[in-house]
């Protein structure tokens, strides 16, 4: 059976630089590439060595997306949920849906275009005594 992983997702946003600044501050990601798209627009690729988001824009991109059409949300794992939430708030976005259940703590937010993101941390579980080996 083949094996694989998610390398990137390409999403349409009205302001790729603004979205890239959020992802850089929240995830510690870097710009990997920017330039004209093959058809009618431009993209900024923001990520790490293993994965990235292609932030595409063009004249036909207007934002104001509706949740679930077709995307429900994109999720990110962070090592410090409180610091990530502070970044979201500093970008004048509103976190909601805070929850703490196995396997981690999380919150959600909508960006300026109506795209929903989930931010989750598994740090409490990873640092708990015997988390790796289970009960003795």
C-alpha atoms as a PDB file:
ATOM      1  CA  UNK A   1       0.000   0.000   0.000  1.00  0.00           C
ATOM      2  CA  UNK A   2       1.360   3.483  -0.825  1.00  0.00           C
ATOM      3  CA  UNK A   3       2.187   5.847   2.013  1.00  0.00           C
ATOM      4  CA  UNK A   4       1.872   9.603   1.947  1.00  0.00           C
ATOM      5  CA  UNK A   5       1.481  12.847   3.847  1.00  0.00           C
ATOM      6  CA  UNK A   6      -0.091  16.241   3.288  1.00  0.00           C
ATOM      7  CA  UNK A   7       2.521  18.526   1.769  1.00  0.00           C
ATOM      8  CA  UNK A   8       0.403  21.625   1.204  1.00  0.00           C
ATOM      9  CA  UNK A   9      -3.037  23.067   0.797  1.00  0.00           C
ATOM     10  CA  UNK A  10      -3.774  25.928  -1.572  1.00  0.00           C
ATOM     11  CA  UNK A  11      -6.376  28.373  -0.259  1.00  0.00           C
ATOM     12  CA  UNK A  12      -7.740  31.606  -1.701  1.00  0.00           C
ATOM     13  CA  UNK A  13      -7.390  34.679   0.493  1.00  0.00           C
ATOM     14  CA  UNK A  14      -7.899  38.368  -0.200  1.00  0.00           C
ATOM     15  CA  UNK A  15      -4.576  39.447   1.340  1.00  0.00           C
ATOM     16  CA  UNK A  16      -1.812  36.804   1.299  1.00  0.00           C
ATOM     17  CA  UNK A  17       0.659  39.033   3.129  1.00  0.00           C
ATOM     18  CA  UNK A  18      -1.764  39.549   6.032  1.00  0.00           C
ATOM     19  CA  UNK A  19      -2.477  35.807   6.227  1.00  0.00           C
ATOM     20  CA  UNK A  20       1.244  35.010   6.003  1.00  0.00           C
ATOM     21  CA  UNK A  21       1.986  37.411   8.874  1.00  0.00           C
ATOM     22  CA  UNK A  22      -0.574  35.622  11.059  1.00  0.00           C
ATOM     23  CA  UNK A  23       0.824  32.169  10.272  1.00  0.00           C
ATOM     24  CA  UNK A  24       4.405  33.340  10.790  1.00  0.00           C
ATOM     25  CA  UNK A  25       3.596  34.787  14.209  1.00  0.00           C
ATOM     26  CA  UNK A  26       1.339  31.927  15.334  1.00  0.00           C
ATOM     27  CA  UNK A  27       3.322  28.946  14.017  1.00  0.00           C
ATOM     28  CA  UNK A  28       6.873  30.177  13.557  1.00  0.00           C
ATOM     29  CA  UNK A  29       6.579  29.429   9.830  1.00  0.00           C
ATOM     30  CA  UNK A  30       8.634  31.147   7.163  1.00  0.00           C
ATOM     31  CA  UNK A  31       7.971  32.262   3.633  1.00  0.00           C
ATOM     32  CA  UNK A  32       9.062  29.508   1.256  1.00  0.00           C
ATOM     33  CA  UNK A  33       8.170  31.139  -2.056  1.00  0.00           C
ATOM     34  CA  UNK A  34       6.131  33.899  -3.641  1.00  0.00           C
ATOM     35  CA  UNK A  35       5.290  34.793  -7.191  1.00  0.00           C
ATOM     36  CA  UNK A  36       2.774  34.735  -9.992  1.00  0.00           C
ATOM     37  CA  UNK A  37       0.428  31.758 -10.192  1.00  0.00           C
ATOM     38  CA  UNK A  38       0.170  29.756 -13.368  1.00  0.00           C
ATOM     39  CA  UNK A  39      -3.183  31.377 -14.067  1.00  0.00           C
ATOM     40  CA  UNK A  40      -4.335  34.866 -13.198  1.00  0.00           C
ATOM     41  CA  UNK A  41      -3.034  35.642  -9.740  1.00  0.00           C
ATOM     42  CA  UNK A  42      -0.213  35.306  -7.289  1.00  0.00           C
ATOM     43  CA  UNK A  43       0.654  33.130  -4.317  1.00  0.00           C
ATOM     44  CA  UNK A  44       2.682  33.263  -1.139  1.00  0.00           C
ATOM     45  CA  UNK A  45       3.813  29.901   0.241  1.00  0.00           C
ATOM     46  CA  UNK A  46       4.236  29.967   4.014  1.00  0.00           C
ATOM     47  CA  UNK A  47       5.334  26.944   6.049  1.00  0.00           C
ATOM     48  CA  UNK A  48       8.222  24.882   7.318  1.00  0.00           C
ATOM     49  CA  UNK A  49      10.508  22.366   5.618  1.00  0.00           C
ATOM     50  CA  UNK A  50       7.803  19.675   5.627  1.00  0.00           C
ATOM     51  CA  UNK A  51       4.550  21.440   4.775  1.00  0.00           C
ATOM     52  CA  UNK A  52       3.040  24.770   3.796  1.00  0.00           C
ATOM     53  CA  UNK A  53      -0.061  26.695   2.875  1.00  0.00           C
ATOM     54  CA  UNK A  54      -0.180  28.279  -0.552  1.00  0.00           C
ATOM     55  CA  UNK A  55      -2.012  31.571  -0.041  1.00  0.00           C
ATOM     56  CA  UNK A  56      -3.463  32.432  -3.436  1.00  0.00           C
ATOM     57  CA  UNK A  57      -5.127  35.659  -4.517  1.00  0.00           C
ATOM     58  CA  UNK A  58      -6.383  37.119  -7.767  1.00  0.00           C
ATOM     59  CA  UNK A  59      -9.060  39.447  -9.082  1.00  0.00           C
ATOM     60  CA  UNK A  60     -11.709  36.733  -8.666  1.00  0.00           C
ATOM     61  CA  UNK A  61     -10.978  36.222  -4.929  1.00  0.00           C
ATOM     62  CA  UNK A  62     -13.478  38.118  -2.774  1.00  0.00           C
ATOM     63  CA  UNK A  63     -13.402  36.269   0.571  1.00  0.00           C
ATOM     64  CA  UNK A  64     -16.542  36.187   2.698  1.00  0.00           C
ATOM     65  CA  UNK A  65     -16.550  32.380   2.585  1.00  0.00           C
ATOM     66  CA  UNK A  66     -19.264  30.309   4.231  1.00  0.00           C
ATOM     67  CA  UNK A  67     -18.180  27.607   6.681  1.00  0.00           C
ATOM     68  CA  UNK A  68     -18.417  24.157   5.209  1.00  0.00           C
ATOM     69  CA  UNK A  69     -18.488  25.283   1.573  1.00  0.00           C
ATOM     70  CA  UNK A  70     -16.506  23.110   0.910  1.00  0.00           C
ATOM     71  CA  UNK A  71     -14.005  23.452   3.759  1.00  0.00           C
ATOM     72  CA  UNK A  72     -14.937  22.995   7.422  1.00  0.00           C
ATOM     73  CA  UNK A  73     -11.611  24.070   8.909  1.00  0.00           C
ATOM     74  CA  UNK A  74      -7.838  23.741   8.783  1.00  0.00           C
ATOM     75  CA  UNK A  75      -6.144  22.625  12.001  1.00  0.00           C
ATOM     76  CA  UNK A  76      -2.706  23.500  13.346  1.00  0.00           C
ATOM     77  CA  UNK A  77      -0.833  21.906  16.257  1.00  0.00           C
ATOM     78  CA  UNK A  78       1.107  24.314  18.490  1.00  0.00           C
ATOM     79  CA  UNK A  79       3.308  23.838  21.524  1.00  0.00           C
ATOM     80  CA  UNK A  80       1.844  26.834  23.406  1.00  0.00           C
ATOM     81  CA  UNK A  81      -1.899  27.283  22.977  1.00  0.00           C
ATOM     82  CA  UNK A  82      -2.114  30.430  25.110  1.00  0.00           C
ATOM     83  CA  UNK A  83       0.635  32.151  23.109  1.00  0.00           C
ATOM     84  CA  UNK A  84      -1.054  31.131  19.838  1.00  0.00           C
ATOM     85  CA  UNK A  85      -4.347  32.569  21.077  1.00  0.00           C
ATOM     86  CA  UNK A  86      -2.628  35.837  21.971  1.00  0.00           C
ATOM     87  CA  UNK A  87      -1.297  36.048  18.400  1.00  0.00           C
ATOM     88  CA  UNK A  88      -4.799  35.508  17.010  1.00  0.00           C
ATOM     89  CA  UNK A  89      -6.162  38.277  19.240  1.00  0.00           C
ATOM     90  CA  UNK A  90      -3.267  40.598  18.300  1.00  0.00           C
ATOM     91  CA  UNK A  91      -4.338  40.171  14.671  1.00  0.00           C
ATOM     92  CA  UNK A  92      -7.813  41.398  15.701  1.00  0.00           C
ATOM     93  CA  UNK A  93      -9.440  37.992  15.226  1.00  0.00           C
ATOM     94  CA  UNK A  94     -11.737  36.402  17.782  1.00  0.00           C
ATOM     95  CA  UNK A  95     -11.048  32.940  19.214  1.00  0.00           C
ATOM     96  CA  UNK A  96     -14.077  30.804  20.131  1.00  0.00           C
ATOM     97  CA  UNK A  97     -15.008  27.198  20.854  1.00  0.00           C
ATOM     98  CA  UNK A  98     -12.399  26.664  23.547  1.00  0.00           C
ATOM     99  CA  UNK A  99     -12.384  23.067  24.691  1.00  0.00           C
ATOM    100  CA  UNK A 100     -10.219  20.626  26.583  1.00  0.00           C
ATOM    101  CA  UNK A 101     -10.778  16.965  25.844  1.00  0.00           C
ATOM    102  CA  UNK A 102      -8.622  14.022  24.857  1.00  0.00           C
ATOM    103  CA  UNK A 103      -6.302  14.281  23.195  1.00  0.00           C
ATOM    104  CA  UNK A 104      -5.725  18.037  23.661  1.00  0.00           C
ATOM    105  CA  UNK A 105      -6.826  21.618  24.290  1.00  0.00           C
ATOM    106  CA  UNK A 106      -8.114  23.693  21.391  1.00  0.00           C
ATOM    107  CA  UNK A 107      -9.833  26.801  20.113  1.00  0.00           C
ATOM    108  CA  UNK A 108     -11.122  27.995  16.762  1.00  0.00           C
ATOM    109  CA  UNK A 109     -11.192  31.283  14.877  1.00  0.00           C
ATOM    110  CA  UNK A 110     -12.316  32.672  11.546  1.00  0.00           C
ATOM    111  CA  UNK A 111      -9.830  34.710   9.530  1.00  0.00           C
ATOM    112  CA  UNK A 112     -10.699  37.912   7.674  1.00  0.00           C
ATOM    113  CA  UNK A 113     -12.063  35.936   4.703  1.00  0.00           C
ATOM    114  CA  UNK A 114     -14.295  33.616   6.733  1.00  0.00           C
ATOM    115  CA  UNK A 115     -11.942  30.603   6.687  1.00  0.00           C
ATOM    116  CA  UNK A 116     -12.177  28.648   9.941  1.00  0.00           C
ATOM    117  CA  UNK A 117      -9.021  27.450  11.665  1.00  0.00           C
ATOM    118  CA  UNK A 118      -8.580  25.144  14.654  1.00  0.00           C
ATOM    119  CA  UNK A 119      -5.536  25.491  16.897  1.00  0.00           C
ATOM    120  CA  UNK A 120      -4.764  22.546  19.170  1.00  0.00           C
ATOM    121  CA  UNK A 121      -2.052  21.683  21.664  1.00  0.00           C
ATOM    122  CA  UNK A 122      -1.172  18.196  22.843  1.00  0.00           C
ATOM    123  CA  UNK A 123       1.577  19.486  25.163  1.00  0.00           C
ATOM    124  CA  UNK A 124      -0.238  18.699  28.414  1.00  0.00           C
ATOM    125  CA  UNK A 125      -0.566  15.098  27.332  1.00  0.00           C
ATOM    126  CA  UNK A 126       3.026  14.824  26.096  1.00  0.00           C
ATOM    127  CA  UNK A 127       4.395  16.254  29.346  1.00  0.00           C
ATOM    128  CA  UNK A 128       2.133  14.294  31.712  1.00  0.00           C
ATOM    129  CA  UNK A 129       3.860  11.628  33.829  1.00  0.00           C
ATOM    130  CA  UNK A 130       3.868   8.247  32.092  1.00  0.00           C
ATOM    131  CA  UNK A 131       2.130   9.743  29.043  1.00  0.00           C
ATOM    132  CA  UNK A 132       4.338   7.735  26.706  1.00  0.00           C
ATOM    133  CA  UNK A 133       4.108   4.454  28.558  1.00  0.00           C
ATOM    134  CA  UNK A 134       0.667   4.634  30.094  1.00  0.00           C
ATOM    135  CA  UNK A 135      -0.232   3.554  33.634  1.00  0.00           C
ATOM    136  CA  UNK A 136       2.172   1.275  35.489  1.00  0.00           C
END
